[in-house]
């Protein structure tokens, strides 16, 4: 019933981000490339990302690129989604639709940008290595779980932010910590055994490993990584909807 509304909100959000700029949606490509370029230049000289000691800047650039693909989508989803009820208060106050569609459309909009980035990544990988394996197709299976994961967390943050506006600022700080406690710019294998085991508790570790295995290394991820991330996605969605359903009726009064 609300599928058309969700589609309209998602497309409008994606288009509106670049509608007033000269380069338009190309910014969805240029911004992550600039960030990846910085990390490549700064860290490639002393971080070994290869399996055989190969730490060439271009190889490390692909390594970071593959790891950044899910992160950029998650980061934007949480940053923008945490304030969506407040930012779109004009719709919230006169809503005739489930308010949960608002954080969901933010998540879906970021996935559109990520899909473009994945295509750019594959072009880079083909140009630099001359090979792309059939494993990349299975990213289509991973993305729905990623959407659920982002949606669950975003729904929690957006709901809490209605009552405590510091949530949006706290989200920015926690994202900074989350980035550096996830193996995005460094290989997980370089860490000590205990620290590596602790980082495996982080669902983003599993997601990052899954992306790298499918895109960069051309292999299937371990069953543990897939099952753990799927379980984490289901858990955060359950928590998000439980919180939202209990207090969504008073959101309008607090906006």
Protein backbone atom coordinates (compact mmCIF):
# COMPACT_ATOMS: atom_id res chain seq x y z
CA UNK A 1 0.00 0.00 0.00
CA UNK A 2 2.83 2.39 0.86
CA UNK A 3 5.29 1.04 -1.71
CA UNK A 4 4.79 3.97 -4.09
CA UNK A 5 5.24 6.48 -1.26
CA UNK A 6 8.47 4.80 -0.16
CA UNK A 7 9.76 4.78 -3.73
CA UNK A 8 8.90 8.47 -4.19
CA UNK A 9 10.54 9.48 -0.91
CA UNK A 10 13.69 7.50 -1.72
CA UNK A 11 14.14 8.87 -5.23
CA UNK A 12 13.36 12.41 -4.11
CA UNK A 13 15.91 12.17 -1.31
CA UNK A 14 18.62 10.85 -3.62
CA UNK A 15 17.94 13.46 -6.30
CA UNK A 16 17.59 16.38 -3.88
CA UNK A 17 21.10 15.85 -2.50
CA UNK A 18 22.64 16.82 -5.83
CA UNK A 19 19.93 18.84 -7.56
CA UNK A 20 21.55 22.24 -6.90
CA UNK A 21 25.12 21.24 -7.77
CA UNK A 22 26.84 21.44 -11.14
CA UNK A 23 28.22 17.89 -11.07
CA UNK A 24 24.98 16.45 -9.74
CA UNK A 25 25.01 12.79 -8.72
CA UNK A 26 28.69 12.51 -9.70
CA UNK A 27 29.38 13.80 -6.20
CA UNK A 28 28.19 10.40 -4.96
CA UNK A 29 31.28 9.03 -6.73
CA UNK A 30 33.78 11.84 -6.18
CA UNK A 31 33.33 12.16 -2.41
CA UNK A 32 34.14 8.53 -1.55
CA UNK A 33 36.97 8.44 -4.10
CA UNK A 34 38.56 11.50 -2.50
CA UNK A 35 38.30 9.95 0.96
CA UNK A 36 39.69 6.61 -0.25
CA UNK A 37 42.52 8.44 -2.02
CA UNK A 38 43.51 10.17 1.21
CA UNK A 39 43.61 6.93 3.19
CA UNK A 40 45.56 5.24 0.42
CA UNK A 41 48.24 7.94 0.34
CA UNK A 42 48.52 8.18 4.11
CA UNK A 43 48.45 4.51 5.12
CA UNK A 44 49.62 2.46 2.12
CA UNK A 45 53.29 2.92 2.92
CA UNK A 46 53.13 1.04 6.21
CA UNK A 47 50.01 -1.17 6.15
CA UNK A 48 50.29 -4.55 4.47
CA UNK A 49 46.94 -5.42 2.88
CA UNK A 50 48.04 -8.34 0.75
CA UNK A 51 48.33 -12.04 1.41
CA UNK A 52 51.94 -12.18 0.37
CA UNK A 53 53.34 -8.94 1.70
CA UNK A 54 52.04 -6.95 -1.25
CA UNK A 55 51.44 -3.42 0.02
CA UNK A 56 51.54 -1.45 -3.22
CA UNK A 57 49.44 1.73 -3.02
CA UNK A 58 47.08 0.68 -5.81
CA UNK A 59 46.42 -2.69 -4.20
CA UNK A 60 45.88 -1.04 -0.86
CA UNK A 61 43.55 1.44 -2.55
CA UNK A 62 41.34 -1.42 -3.74
CA UNK A 63 41.51 -2.95 -0.27
CA UNK A 64 40.26 0.27 1.34
CA UNK A 65 37.72 0.87 -1.42
CA UNK A 66 36.13 -2.56 -0.90
CA UNK A 67 35.98 -2.02 2.85
CA UNK A 68 34.57 1.50 2.57
CA UNK A 69 31.64 0.51 0.34
CA UNK A 70 29.31 -0.68 3.12
CA UNK A 71 30.73 1.79 5.66
CA UNK A 72 29.90 4.91 3.64
CA UNK A 73 26.31 3.78 3.27
CA UNK A 74 25.97 2.91 6.96
CA UNK A 75 27.59 6.15 8.07
CA UNK A 76 25.31 8.33 5.97
CA UNK A 77 22.24 6.32 6.93
CA UNK A 78 22.87 6.79 10.64
CA UNK A 79 23.96 10.42 10.46
CA UNK A 80 21.04 11.61 8.36
CA UNK A 81 18.53 9.06 9.59
CA UNK A 82 19.02 9.87 13.27
CA UNK A 83 17.36 13.28 12.75
CA UNK A 84 14.81 12.34 10.10
CA UNK A 85 11.72 12.64 12.34
CA UNK A 86 12.79 16.12 13.43
CA UNK A 87 13.96 17.22 9.98
CA UNK A 88 10.71 16.08 8.38
CA UNK A 89 8.43 17.27 11.16
CA UNK A 90 6.06 18.79 8.60
CA UNK A 91 5.26 15.25 7.44
CA UNK A 92 5.29 13.74 10.90
CA UNK A 93 2.69 16.18 12.23
CA UNK A 94 0.29 15.42 9.41
CA UNK A 95 1.20 11.81 8.75
CA UNK A 96 -1.23 9.30 7.31
CA UNK A 97 1.46 6.66 6.81
CA UNK A 98 3.80 4.62 9.03
CA UNK A 99 6.51 6.96 10.30
CA UNK A 100 8.99 4.11 10.02
CA UNK A 101 9.06 4.78 6.27
CA UNK A 102 11.03 7.97 6.91
CA UNK A 103 14.23 6.36 8.25
CA UNK A 104 13.80 3.52 5.76
CA UNK A 105 13.79 5.87 2.78
CA UNK A 106 17.05 7.42 3.99
CA UNK A 107 18.66 3.98 4.15
CA UNK A 108 17.44 3.07 0.66
CA UNK A 109 18.68 6.38 -0.74
CA UNK A 110 22.19 5.71 0.56
CA UNK A 111 22.08 2.23 -0.96
CA UNK A 112 21.48 3.80 -4.37
CA UNK A 113 24.67 5.81 -3.92
CA UNK A 114 26.47 2.69 -2.75
CA UNK A 115 25.31 0.76 -5.82
CA UNK A 116 26.90 3.41 -8.02
CA UNK A 117 30.09 3.19 -5.96
CA UNK A 118 30.17 -0.60 -6.37
CA UNK A 119 30.07 -0.21 -10.15
CA UNK A 120 32.93 2.30 -9.95
CA UNK A 121 34.87 -0.11 -7.74
CA UNK A 122 34.44 -2.96 -10.24
CA UNK A 123 35.68 -0.69 -13.04
CA UNK A 124 38.76 0.16 -10.98
CA UNK A 125 39.41 -3.46 -10.13
CA UNK A 126 39.09 -4.57 -13.73
CA UNK A 127 41.41 -1.77 -14.84
CA UNK A 128 44.06 -2.49 -12.22
CA UNK A 129 43.91 -6.30 -12.01
CA UNK A 130 42.17 -7.37 -15.21
CA UNK A 131 39.87 -9.76 -13.37
CA UNK A 132 36.47 -9.88 -11.70
CA UNK A 133 35.05 -13.17 -10.40
CA UNK A 134 31.45 -14.35 -10.39
CA UNK A 135 31.40 -13.95 -6.60
CA UNK A 136 30.46 -10.28 -7.01
CA UNK A 137 26.92 -11.38 -7.90
CA UNK A 138 26.36 -12.51 -4.32
CA UNK A 139 26.60 -8.90 -3.14
CA UNK A 140 22.94 -8.76 -4.20
CA UNK A 141 22.22 -11.27 -1.43
CA UNK A 142 24.19 -9.29 1.16
CA UNK A 143 22.67 -5.84 0.48
CA UNK A 144 19.14 -6.71 1.77
CA UNK A 145 20.65 -7.78 5.11
CA UNK A 146 22.69 -4.57 5.15
CA UNK A 147 19.49 -2.58 4.57
CA UNK A 148 17.83 -4.35 7.51
CA UNK A 149 20.87 -3.71 9.68
CA UNK A 150 20.98 0.01 8.86
CA UNK A 151 17.23 0.39 9.14
CA UNK A 152 17.10 -1.20 12.59
CA UNK A 153 19.80 1.06 14.02
CA UNK A 154 18.48 4.17 12.25
CA UNK A 155 14.96 3.54 13.55
CA UNK A 156 16.28 3.35 17.11
CA UNK A 157 18.31 6.55 16.73
CA UNK A 158 15.54 8.49 14.99
CA UNK A 159 13.03 7.49 17.66
CA UNK A 160 15.31 8.35 20.58
CA UNK A 161 16.36 11.64 18.98
CA UNK A 162 12.77 12.89 19.19
CA UNK A 163 13.00 12.83 22.99
CA UNK A 164 16.72 13.48 23.42
CA UNK A 165 18.20 15.74 20.75
CA UNK A 166 21.74 14.92 21.86
CA UNK A 167 21.39 11.58 20.09
CA UNK A 168 22.38 13.10 16.74
CA UNK A 169 25.62 14.48 18.22
CA UNK A 170 26.30 11.22 20.05
CA UNK A 171 25.81 9.35 16.77
CA UNK A 172 28.56 11.36 15.07
CA UNK A 173 30.98 10.58 17.90
CA UNK A 174 30.14 6.88 18.02
CA UNK A 175 30.50 6.58 14.25
CA UNK A 176 34.04 7.92 14.54
CA UNK A 177 34.85 5.27 17.15
CA UNK A 178 33.05 2.56 15.17
CA UNK A 179 35.08 3.32 12.05
CA UNK A 180 38.42 2.77 13.75
CA UNK A 181 37.23 -0.32 15.63
CA UNK A 182 36.29 -1.95 12.32
CA UNK A 183 38.85 -3.46 9.89
CA UNK A 184 38.18 -0.95 7.13
CA UNK A 185 41.59 0.64 6.66
CA UNK A 186 43.67 -2.10 8.24
CA UNK A 187 43.80 -5.91 7.83
CA UNK A 188 42.16 -7.87 10.62
CA UNK A 189 44.92 -10.47 10.36
CA UNK A 190 47.51 -7.96 11.57
CA UNK A 191 45.91 -7.73 15.01
CA UNK A 192 46.72 -9.90 18.02
CA UNK A 193 44.53 -12.92 18.71
CA UNK A 194 42.54 -11.45 21.63
CA UNK A 195 41.96 -8.10 19.94
CA UNK A 196 40.96 -9.83 16.71
CA UNK A 197 38.43 -11.98 18.59
CA UNK A 198 36.97 -8.89 20.25
CA UNK A 199 36.58 -7.09 16.93
CA UNK A 200 34.69 -10.09 15.54
CA UNK A 201 31.90 -9.16 17.97
CA UNK A 202 31.43 -6.03 15.86
CA UNK A 203 28.87 -6.84 13.11
CA UNK A 204 30.60 -4.39 10.79
CA UNK A 205 33.68 -6.60 10.92
CA UNK A 206 31.66 -9.45 9.41
CA UNK A 207 30.14 -7.17 6.77
CA UNK A 208 33.51 -5.71 5.78
CA UNK A 209 35.06 -9.17 5.49
CA UNK A 210 32.09 -10.35 3.39
CA UNK A 211 32.47 -7.44 0.96
CA UNK A 212 36.21 -7.95 0.59
CA UNK A 213 35.89 -11.68 0.08
CA UNK A 214 33.24 -11.34 -2.63
CA UNK A 215 34.62 -8.29 -4.43
CA UNK A 216 38.37 -8.21 -3.90
CA UNK A 217 39.53 -11.74 -3.12
CA UNK A 218 37.03 -13.57 -5.33
CA UNK A 219 35.89 -16.14 -2.79
CA UNK A 220 32.93 -16.95 -0.59
CA UNK A 221 33.04 -15.62 2.98
CA UNK A 222 33.07 -17.95 5.94
CA UNK A 223 29.76 -19.29 7.23
CA UNK A 224 30.42 -17.59 10.57
CA UNK A 225 30.69 -14.12 8.99
CA UNK A 226 27.46 -14.57 7.01
CA UNK A 227 25.43 -16.11 9.84
CA UNK A 228 26.66 -13.62 12.43
CA UNK A 229 25.82 -10.61 10.28
CA UNK A 230 22.41 -12.03 9.35
CA UNK A 231 21.69 -12.64 13.04
CA UNK A 232 22.85 -9.12 13.92
CA UNK A 233 20.60 -7.64 11.23
CA UNK A 234 17.56 -9.52 12.51
CA UNK A 235 18.36 -8.52 16.09
CA UNK A 236 18.69 -4.77 15.44
CA UNK A 237 15.51 -4.72 13.34
CA UNK A 238 13.65 -6.44 16.15
CA UNK A 239 14.99 -3.94 18.67
CA UNK A 240 14.18 -1.02 16.39
CA UNK A 241 10.59 -2.05 15.79
CA UNK A 242 10.03 -2.94 19.45
CA UNK A 243 11.12 0.52 20.57
CA UNK A 244 9.27 2.28 17.76
CA UNK A 245 5.97 0.45 18.29
CA UNK A 246 5.96 1.20 22.00
CA UNK A 247 6.34 4.96 21.71
CA UNK A 248 5.53 5.97 18.12
CA UNK A 249 2.14 7.36 19.13
CA UNK A 250 3.72 10.13 21.17
CA UNK A 251 6.34 11.13 18.59
CA UNK A 252 4.03 13.74 17.08
CA UNK A 253 3.53 15.38 20.49
CA UNK A 254 7.28 15.72 21.03
CA UNK A 255 8.28 17.03 17.61
